Amino acid sequence: MPIISMFYGIIIRLYLMDQKHHNLPHIHSKYAEFEAAIGIDDGEILAGELPRKQLRLVQAWIELHRDELLADWEIAASGEKPYKIAPL
């Protein structure tokens, strides 16, 4: 589960070959004791939870880097290590 970005205490990961969330393109974000899977297409939480402020930061980051995230999703889905993406 490679880390692809970190900002404001939030760690963003993209799991390799993650089939758990119905193959929807998503990231996993962690902040303190909170963790959530968040859809790349719409920025909505698929599972878990994040504090509201951190969720908004992650959603803004997704909006800025959606194309890069979708490219990384394809790379990770094929079992390869995704590229790092600039922080917020």
PDB file of N, CA and C in Angstrom:
ATOM      1  N   MET A   1       0.819  -1.176   0.000  1.00  0.00           N
ATOM      2  CA  MET A   1       0.000   0.000   0.000  1.00  0.00           C
ATOM      3  C   MET A   1       0.871   1.250   0.000  1.00  0.00           C
ATOM      4  N   PRO A   2       1.321   1.628  -1.178  1.00  0.00           N
ATOM      5  CA  PRO A   2       2.228   2.767  -1.297  1.00  0.00           C
ATOM      6  C   PRO A   2       1.570   4.095  -0.935  1.00  0.00           C
ATOM      7  N   ILE A   3       2.349   4.948  -0.296  1.00  0.00           N
ATOM      8  CA  ILE A   3       1.910   6.309  -0.011  1.00  0.00           C
ATOM      9  C   ILE A   3       2.156   7.134  -1.273  1.00  0.00           C
ATOM     10  N   ILE A   4       1.092   7.797  -1.762  1.00  0.00           N
ATOM     11  CA  ILE A   4       1.264   8.615  -2.965  1.00  0.00           C
ATOM     12  C   ILE A   4       1.331  10.104  -2.655  1.00  0.00           C
ATOM     13  N   SER A   5       0.870  10.505  -1.456  1.00  0.00           N
ATOM     14  CA  SER A   5       0.975  11.909  -1.072  1.00  0.00           C
ATOM     15  C   SER A   5       0.752  12.067   0.430  1.00  0.00           C
ATOM     16  N   MET A   6       1.257  13.173   0.978  1.00  0.00           N
ATOM     17  CA  MET A   6       1.032  13.513   2.390  1.00  0.00           C
ATOM     18  C   MET A   6       0.920  15.028   2.486  1.00  0.00           C
ATOM     19  N   PHE A   7      -0.077  15.495   3.239  1.00  0.00           N
ATOM     20  CA  PHE A   7      -0.234  16.926   3.464  1.00  0.00           C
ATOM     21  C   PHE A   7      -1.084  17.158   4.701  1.00  0.00           C
ATOM     22  N   TYR A   8      -0.733  18.165   5.483  1.00  0.00           N
ATOM     23  CA  TYR A   8      -1.468  18.563   6.687  1.00  0.00           C
ATOM     24  C   TYR A   8      -1.790  17.380   7.606  1.00  0.00           C
ATOM     25  N   GLY A   9      -0.850  16.459   7.734  1.00  0.00           N
ATOM     26  CA  GLY A   9      -1.040  15.304   8.607  1.00  0.00           C
ATOM     27  C   GLY A   9      -1.893  14.197   8.009  1.00  0.00           C
ATOM     28  N   ILE A  10      -2.275  14.343   6.754  1.00  0.00           N
ATOM     29  CA  ILE A  10      -3.101  13.344   6.064  1.00  0.00           C
ATOM     30  C   ILE A  10      -2.190  12.506   5.172  1.00  0.00           C
ATOM     31  N   ILE A  11      -2.337  11.197   5.266  1.00  0.00           N
ATOM     32  CA  ILE A  11      -1.572  10.274   4.430  1.00  0.00           C
ATOM     33  C   ILE A  11      -2.525   9.690   3.387  1.00  0.00           C
ATOM     34  N   ILE A  12      -2.111   9.751   2.120  1.00  0.00           N
ATOM     35  CA  ILE A  12      -2.925   9.228   1.016  1.00  0.00           C
ATOM     36  C   ILE A  12      -2.218   8.006   0.443  1.00  0.00           C
ATOM     37  N   ARG A  13      -2.978   6.909   0.385  1.00  0.00           N
ATOM     38  CA  ARG A  13      -2.447   5.659  -0.165  1.00  0.00           C
ATOM     39  C   ARG A  13      -3.330   5.176  -1.305  1.00  0.00           C
ATOM     40  N   LEU A  14      -2.709   4.414  -2.179  1.00  0.00           N
ATOM     41  CA  LEU A  14      -3.427   3.756  -3.264  1.00  0.00           C
ATOM     42  C   LEU A  14      -3.018   2.293  -3.200  1.00  0.00           C
ATOM     43  N   TYR A  15      -3.942   1.443  -2.821  1.00  0.00           N
ATOM     44  CA  TYR A  15      -3.629   0.030  -2.655  1.00  0.00           C
ATOM     45  C   TYR A  15      -3.478  -0.651  -4.001  1.00  0.00           C
ATOM     46  N   LEU A  16      -2.530  -1.549  -4.074  1.00  0.00           N
ATOM     47  CA  LEU A  16      -2.314  -2.321  -5.288  1.00  0.00           C
ATOM     48  C   LEU A  16      -3.396  -3.385  -5.427  1.00  0.00           C
ATOM     49  N   MET A  17      -4.009  -3.429  -6.581  1.00  0.00           N
ATOM     50  CA  MET A  17      -5.007  -4.450  -6.912  1.00  0.00           C
ATOM     51  C   MET A  17      -6.116  -4.541  -5.858  1.00  0.00           C
ATOM     52  N   ASP A  18      -6.636  -3.420  -5.410  1.00  0.00           N
ATOM     53  CA  ASP A  18      -7.687  -3.367  -4.390  1.00  0.00           C
ATOM     54  C   ASP A  18      -9.046  -3.617  -5.021  1.00  0.00           C
ATOM     55  N   GLN A  19      -9.636  -4.740  -4.718  1.00  0.00           N
ATOM     56  CA  GLN A  19     -10.950  -5.100  -5.250  1.00  0.00           C
ATOM     57  C   GLN A  19     -12.048  -4.924  -4.207  1.00  0.00           C
ATOM     58  N   LYS A  20     -11.706  -4.463  -3.027  1.00  0.00           N
ATOM     59  CA  LYS A  20     -12.638  -4.402  -1.905  1.00  0.00           C
ATOM     60  C   LYS A  20     -13.839  -3.492  -2.141  1.00  0.00           C
ATOM     61  N   HIS A  21     -13.652  -2.389  -2.858  1.00  0.00           N
ATOM     62  CA  HIS A  21     -14.723  -1.409  -3.023  1.00  0.00           C
ATOM     63  C   HIS A  21     -15.307  -1.442  -4.437  1.00  0.00           C
ATOM     64  N   HIS A  22     -15.585  -2.650  -4.920  1.00  0.00           N
ATOM     65  CA  HIS A  22     -16.293  -2.854  -6.181  1.00  0.00           C
ATOM     66  C   HIS A  22     -15.579  -2.251  -7.381  1.00  0.00           C
ATOM     67  N   ASN A  23     -14.261  -2.243  -7.331  1.00  0.00           N
ATOM     68  CA  ASN A  23     -13.468  -1.762  -8.460  1.00  0.00           C
ATOM     69  C   ASN A  23     -13.654  -0.287  -8.772  1.00  0.00           C
ATOM     70  N   LEU A  24     -14.297   0.471  -7.888  1.00  0.00           N
ATOM     71  CA  LEU A  24     -14.417   1.910  -8.091  1.00  0.00           C
ATOM     72  C   LEU A  24     -13.053   2.551  -7.847  1.00  0.00           C
ATOM     73  N   PRO A  25     -12.618   3.456  -8.723  1.00  0.00           N
ATOM     74  CA  PRO A  25     -11.359   4.147  -8.463  1.00  0.00           C
ATOM     75  C   PRO A  25     -11.455   4.934  -7.152  1.00  0.00           C
ATOM     76  N   HIS A  26     -10.548   4.673  -6.231  1.00  0.00           N
ATOM     77  CA  HIS A  26     -10.582   5.331  -4.928  1.00  0.00           C
ATOM     78  C   HIS A  26      -9.197   5.374  -4.298  1.00  0.00           C
ATOM     79  N   ILE A  27      -9.087   6.225  -3.288  1.00  0.00           N
ATOM     80  CA  ILE A  27      -7.858   6.327  -2.500  1.00  0.00           C
ATOM     81  C   ILE A  27      -8.198   5.989  -1.058  1.00  0.00           C
ATOM     82  N   HIS A  28      -7.177   5.747  -0.281  1.00  0.00           N
ATOM     83  CA  HIS A  28      -7.342   5.522   1.149  1.00  0.00           C
ATOM     84  C   HIS A  28      -6.620   6.656   1.849  1.00  0.00           C
ATOM     85  N   SER A  29      -7.326   7.347   2.732  1.00  0.00           N
ATOM     86  CA  SER A  29      -6.713   8.452   3.459  1.00  0.00           C
ATOM     87  C   SER A  29      -6.757   8.182   4.952  1.00  0.00           C
ATOM     88  N   LYS A  30      -5.696   8.607   5.627  1.00  0.00           N
ATOM     89  CA  LYS A  30      -5.586   8.404   7.071  1.00  0.00           C
ATOM     90  C   LYS A  30      -5.193   9.725   7.709  1.00  0.00           C
ATOM     91  N   TYR A  31      -5.890  10.043   8.793  1.00  0.00           N
ATOM     92  CA  TYR A  31      -5.569  11.223   9.584  1.00  0.00           C
ATOM     93  C   TYR A  31      -5.757  10.836  11.040  1.00  0.00           C
ATOM     94  N   ALA A  32      -4.679  10.866  11.815  1.00  0.00           N
ATOM     95  CA  ALA A  32      -4.716  10.437  13.227  1.00  0.00           C
ATOM     96  C   ALA A  32      -5.330   9.045  13.289  1.00  0.00           C
ATOM     97  N   GLU A  33      -6.391   8.855  14.079  1.00  0.00           N
ATOM     98  CA  GLU A  33      -7.009   7.529  14.194  1.00  0.00           C
ATOM     99  C   GLU A  33      -8.114   7.296  13.160  1.00  0.00           C
ATOM    100  N   PHE A  34      -8.331   8.260  12.268  1.00  0.00           N
ATOM    101  CA  PHE A  34      -9.393   8.151  11.264  1.00  0.00           C
ATOM    102  C   PHE A  34      -8.850   7.619   9.943  1.00  0.00           C
ATOM    103  N   GLU A  35      -9.652   6.796   9.285  1.00  0.00           N
ATOM    104  CA  GLU A  35      -9.306   6.281   7.963  1.00  0.00           C
ATOM    105  C   GLU A  35     -10.550   6.238   7.111  1.00  0.00           C
ATOM    106  N   ALA A  36     -10.384   6.506   5.807  1.00  0.00           N
ATOM    107  CA  ALA A  36     -11.526   6.452   4.904  1.00  0.00           C
ATOM    108  C   ALA A  36     -11.065   6.094   3.498  1.00  0.00           C
ATOM    109  N   ALA A  37     -11.920   5.359   2.789  1.00  0.00           N
ATOM    110  CA  ALA A  37     -11.751   5.136   1.363  1.00  0.00           C
ATOM    111  C   ALA A  37     -12.621   6.182   0.677  1.00  0.00           C
ATOM    112  N   ILE A  38     -12.044   6.923  -0.268  1.00  0.00           N
ATOM    113  CA  ILE A  38     -12.734   8.034  -0.903  1.00  0.00           C
ATOM    114  C   ILE A  38     -12.679   7.869  -2.420  1.00  0.00           C
ATOM    115  N   GLY A  39     -13.841   7.973  -3.058  1.00  0.00           N
ATOM    116  CA  GLY A  39     -13.926   7.828  -4.506  1.00  0.00           C
ATOM    117  C   GLY A  39     -13.193   8.942  -5.230  1.00  0.00           C
ATOM    118  N   ILE A  40     -12.478   8.574  -6.276  1.00  0.00           N
ATOM    119  CA  ILE A  40     -11.751   9.564  -7.073  1.00  0.00           C
ATOM    120  C   ILE A  40     -12.723  10.358  -7.946  1.00  0.00           C
ATOM    121  N   ASP A  41     -13.723   9.712  -8.479  1.00  0.00           N
ATOM    122  CA  ASP A  41     -14.656  10.388  -9.383  1.00  0.00           C
ATOM    123  C   ASP A  41     -15.466  11.489  -8.710  1.00  0.00           C
ATOM    124  N   ASP A  42     -15.955  11.231  -7.493  1.00  0.00           N
ATOM    125  CA  ASP A  42     -16.861  12.193  -6.860  1.00  0.00           C
ATOM    126  C   ASP A  42     -16.388  12.712  -5.498  1.00  0.00           C
ATOM    127  N   GLY A  43     -15.297  12.177  -4.957  1.00  0.00           N
ATOM    128  CA  GLY A  43     -14.783  12.639  -3.672  1.00  0.00           C
ATOM    129  C   GLY A  43     -15.622  12.224  -2.476  1.00  0.00           C
ATOM    130  N   GLU A  44     -16.544  11.301  -2.668  1.00  0.00           N
ATOM    131  CA  GLU A  44     -17.409  10.852  -1.578  1.00  0.00           C
ATOM    132  C   GLU A  44     -16.769   9.693  -0.819  1.00  0.00           C
ATOM    133  N   ILE A  45     -17.062   9.602   0.475  1.00  0.00           N
ATOM    134  CA  ILE A  45     -16.545   8.514   1.302  1.00  0.00           C
ATOM    135  C   ILE A  45     -17.257   7.213   0.940  1.00  0.00           C
ATOM    136  N   LEU A  46     -16.465   6.193   0.660  1.00  0.00           N
ATOM    137  CA  LEU A  46     -16.998   4.864   0.358  1.00  0.00           C
ATOM    138  C   LEU A  46     -17.060   4.003   1.611  1.00  0.00           C
ATOM    139  N   ALA A  47     -16.111   4.229   2.509  1.00  0.00           N
ATOM    140  CA  ALA A  47     -16.049   3.473   3.767  1.00  0.00           C
ATOM    141  C   ALA A  47     -15.203   4.261   4.752  1.00  0.00           C
ATOM    142  N   GLY A  48     -15.484   4.093   6.026  1.00  0.00           N
ATOM    143  CA  GLY A  48     -14.708   4.752   7.066  1.00  0.00           C
ATOM    144  C   GLY A  48     -15.171   6.182   7.299  1.00  0.00           C
ATOM    145  N   GLU A  49     -14.280   6.974   7.944  1.00  0.00           N
ATOM    146  CA  GLU A  49     -14.616   8.369   8.217  1.00  0.00           C
ATOM    147  C   GLU A  49     -13.362   9.207   8.399  1.00  0.00           C
ATOM    148  N   LEU A  50     -13.515  10.492   8.133  1.00  0.00           N
ATOM    149  CA  LEU A  50     -12.491  11.505   8.374  1.00  0.00           C
ATOM    150  C   LEU A  50     -13.190  12.707   8.999  1.00  0.00           C
ATOM    151  N   PRO A  51     -12.470  13.475   9.822  1.00  0.00           N
ATOM    152  CA  PRO A  51     -13.060  14.723  10.307  1.00  0.00           C
ATOM    153  C   PRO A  51     -13.413  15.623   9.110  1.00  0.00           C
ATOM    154  N   ARG A  52     -14.429  16.439   9.273  1.00  0.00           N
ATOM    155  CA  ARG A  52     -14.945  17.274   8.177  1.00  0.00           C
ATOM    156  C   ARG A  52     -13.854  18.126   7.512  1.00  0.00           C
ATOM    157  N   LYS A  53     -13.017  18.782   8.305  1.00  0.00           N
ATOM    158  CA  LYS A  53     -11.965  19.645   7.751  1.00  0.00           C
ATOM    159  C   LYS A  53     -10.997  18.851   6.876  1.00  0.00           C
ATOM    160  N   GLN A  54     -10.564  17.702   7.365  1.00  0.00           N
ATOM    161  CA  GLN A  54      -9.620  16.881   6.608  1.00  0.00           C
ATOM    162  C   GLN A  54     -10.274  16.288   5.362  1.00  0.00           C
ATOM    163  N   LEU A  55     -11.549  15.926   5.463  1.00  0.00           N
ATOM    164  CA  LEU A  55     -12.257  15.422   4.290  1.00  0.00           C
ATOM    165  C   LEU A  55     -12.298  16.499   3.210  1.00  0.00           C
ATOM    166  N   ARG A  56     -12.575  17.730   3.583  1.00  0.00           N
ATOM    167  CA  ARG A  56     -12.623  18.827   2.602  1.00  0.00           C
ATOM    168  C   ARG A  56     -11.251  19.040   1.952  1.00  0.00           C
ATOM    169  N   LEU A  57     -10.189  18.922   2.731  1.00  0.00           N
ATOM    170  CA  LEU A  57      -8.844  19.043   2.168  1.00  0.00           C
ATOM    171  C   LEU A  57      -8.572  17.929   1.159  1.00  0.00           C
ATOM    172  N   VAL A  58      -8.935  16.705   1.507  1.00  0.00           N
ATOM    173  CA  VAL A  58      -8.728  15.572   0.600  1.00  0.00           C
ATOM    174  C   VAL A  58      -9.571  15.757  -0.664  1.00  0.00           C
ATOM    175  N   GLN A  59     -10.804  16.202  -0.513  1.00  0.00           N
ATOM    176  CA  GLN A  59     -11.673  16.416  -1.680  1.00  0.00           C
ATOM    177  C   GLN A  59     -11.102  17.494  -2.602  1.00  0.00           C
ATOM    178  N   ALA A  60     -10.543  18.563  -2.031  1.00  0.00           N
ATOM    179  CA  ALA A  60      -9.921  19.616  -2.839  1.00  0.00           C
ATOM    180  C   ALA A  60      -8.706  19.059  -3.576  1.00  0.00           C
ATOM    181  N   TRP A  61      -7.920  18.246  -2.884  1.00  0.00           N
ATOM    182  CA  TRP A  61      -6.736  17.634  -3.491  1.00  0.00           C
ATOM    183  C   TRP A  61      -7.142  16.708  -4.638  1.00  0.00           C
ATOM    184  N   ILE A  62      -8.187  15.915  -4.428  1.00  0.00           N
ATOM    185  CA  ILE A  62      -8.681  15.029  -5.487  1.00  0.00           C
ATOM    186  C   ILE A  62      -9.095  15.851  -6.703  1.00  0.00           C
ATOM    187  N   GLU A  63      -9.814  16.925  -6.479  1.00  0.00           N
ATOM    188  CA  GLU A  63     -10.267  17.791  -7.573  1.00  0.00           C
ATOM    189  C   GLU A  63      -9.088  18.307  -8.399  1.00  0.00           C
ATOM    190  N   LEU A  64      -8.011  18.699  -7.726  1.00  0.00           N
ATOM    191  CA  LEU A  64      -6.831  19.225  -8.408  1.00  0.00           C
ATOM    192  C   LEU A  64      -6.043  18.155  -9.160  1.00  0.00           C
ATOM    193  N   HIS A  65      -6.099  16.927  -8.673  1.00  0.00           N
ATOM    194  CA  HIS A  65      -5.231  15.866  -9.216  1.00  0.00           C
ATOM    195  C   HIS A  65      -6.004  14.675  -9.779  1.00  0.00           C
ATOM    196  N   ARG A  66      -7.259  14.867 -10.150  1.00  0.00           N
ATOM    197  CA  ARG A  66      -8.100  13.749 -10.595  1.00  0.00           C
ATOM    198  C   ARG A  66      -7.473  12.959 -11.752  1.00  0.00           C
ATOM    199  N   ASP A  67      -6.961  13.641 -12.767  1.00  0.00           N
ATOM    200  CA  ASP A  67      -6.375  12.937 -13.915  1.00  0.00           C
ATOM    201  C   ASP A  67      -5.172  12.092 -13.500  1.00  0.00           C
ATOM    202  N   GLU A  68      -4.323  12.654 -12.648  1.00  0.00           N
ATOM    203  CA  GLU A  68      -3.162  11.908 -12.155  1.00  0.00           C
ATOM    204  C   GLU A  68      -3.600  10.712 -11.317  1.00  0.00           C
ATOM    205  N   LEU A  69      -4.623  10.914 -10.499  1.00  0.00           N
ATOM    206  CA  LEU A  69      -5.129   9.827  -9.649  1.00  0.00           C
ATOM    207  C   LEU A  69      -5.703   8.692 -10.482  1.00  0.00           C
ATOM    208  N   LEU A  70      -6.445   9.027 -11.521  1.00  0.00           N
ATOM    209  CA  LEU A  70      -7.012   7.978 -12.379  1.00  0.00           C
ATOM    210  C   LEU A  70      -5.915   7.219 -13.113  1.00  0.00           C
ATOM    211  N   ALA A  71      -4.869   7.922 -13.528  1.00  0.00           N
ATOM    212  CA  ALA A  71      -3.727   7.252 -14.164  1.00  0.00           C
ATOM    213  C   ALA A  71      -3.034   6.330 -13.160  1.00  0.00           C
ATOM    214  N   ASP A  72      -2.840   6.818 -11.927  1.00  0.00           N
ATOM    215  CA  ASP A  72      -2.236   5.994 -10.876  1.00  0.00           C
ATOM    216  C   ASP A  72      -3.114   4.787 -10.561  1.00  0.00           C
ATOM    217  N   TRP A  73      -4.439   4.968 -10.584  1.00  0.00           N
ATOM    218  CA  TRP A  73      -5.367   3.860 -10.317  1.00  0.00           C
ATOM    219  C   TRP A  73      -5.132   2.736 -11.333  1.00  0.00           C
ATOM    220  N   GLU A  74      -4.988   3.094 -12.597  1.00  0.00           N
ATOM    221  CA  GLU A  74      -4.759   2.091 -13.653  1.00  0.00           C
ATOM    222  C   GLU A  74      -3.430   1.371 -13.420  1.00  0.00           C
ATOM    223  N   ILE A  75      -2.420   2.113 -13.037  1.00  0.00           N
ATOM    224  CA  ILE A  75      -1.104   1.526 -12.763  1.00  0.00           C
ATOM    225  C   ILE A  75      -1.208   0.550 -11.590  1.00  0.00           C
ATOM    226  N   ALA A  76      -1.847   0.981 -10.500  1.00  0.00           N
ATOM    227  CA  ALA A  76      -1.986   0.135  -9.307  1.00  0.00           C
ATOM    228  C   ALA A  76      -2.851  -1.085  -9.592  1.00  0.00           C
ATOM    229  N   ALA A  77      -3.896  -0.928 -10.410  1.00  0.00           N
ATOM    230  CA  ALA A  77      -4.781  -2.044 -10.739  1.00  0.00           C
ATOM    231  C   ALA A  77      -4.037  -3.134 -11.504  1.00  0.00           C
ATOM    232  N   SER A  78      -2.979  -2.750 -12.196  1.00  0.00           N
ATOM    233  CA  SER A  78      -2.178  -3.743 -12.922  1.00  0.00           C
ATOM    234  C   SER A  78      -1.091  -4.356 -12.042  1.00  0.00           C
ATOM    235  N   GLY A  79      -1.048  -3.927 -10.758  1.00  0.00           N
ATOM    236  CA  GLY A  79      -0.102  -4.501  -9.815  1.00  0.00           C
ATOM    237  C   GLY A  79       1.215  -3.778  -9.697  1.00  0.00           C
ATOM    238  N   GLU A  80       1.337  -2.642 -10.385  1.00  0.00           N
ATOM    239  CA  GLU A  80       2.572  -1.869 -10.320  1.00  0.00           C
ATOM    240  C   GLU A  80       2.460  -0.752  -9.304  1.00  0.00           C
ATOM    241  N   LYS A  81       3.613  -0.248  -8.869  1.00  0.00           N
ATOM    242  CA  LYS A  81       3.642   0.819  -7.867  1.00  0.00           C
ATOM    243  C   LYS A  81       3.244   2.155  -8.526  1.00  0.00           C
ATOM    244  N   PRO A  82       2.238   2.849  -7.951  1.00  0.00           N
ATOM    245  CA  PRO A  82       1.814   4.137  -8.525  1.00  0.00           C
ATOM    246  C   PRO A  82       2.833   5.246  -8.242  1.00  0.00           C
ATOM    247  N   TYR A  83       2.716   6.317  -9.020  1.00  0.00           N
ATOM    248  CA  TYR A  83       3.595   7.475  -8.871  1.00  0.00           C
ATOM    249  C   TYR A  83       3.150   8.356  -7.710  1.00  0.00           C
ATOM    250  N   LYS A  84       4.087   9.087  -7.138  1.00  0.00           N
ATOM    251  CA  LYS A  84       3.777  10.087  -6.113  1.00  0.00           C
ATOM    252  C   LYS A  84       3.051  11.255  -6.779  1.00  0.00           C
ATOM    253  N   ILE A  85       2.173  11.911  -6.019  1.00  0.00           N
ATOM    254  CA  ILE A  85       1.435  13.074  -6.500  1.00  0.00           C
ATOM    255  C   ILE A  85       1.700  14.212  -5.524  1.00  0.00           C
ATOM    256  N   ALA A  86       1.866  15.416  -6.076  1.00  0.00           N
ATOM    257  CA  ALA A  86       2.176  16.598  -5.249  1.00  0.00           C
ATOM    258  C   ALA A  86       1.138  16.811  -4.162  1.00  0.00           C
ATOM    259  N   PRO A  87       1.570  17.255  -3.000  1.00  0.00           N
ATOM    260  CA  PRO A  87       0.628  17.535  -1.905  1.00  0.00           C
ATOM    261  C   PRO A  87      -0.193  18.790  -2.192  1.00  0.00           C
ATOM    262  N   LEU A  88      -1.148  19.036  -1.314  1.00  0.00           N
ATOM    263  CA  LEU A  88      -2.010  20.195  -1.431  1.00  0.00           C
ATOM    264  C   LEU A  88      -1.256  21.446  -1.031  1.00  0.00           C
TER     265      LEU A  88
END
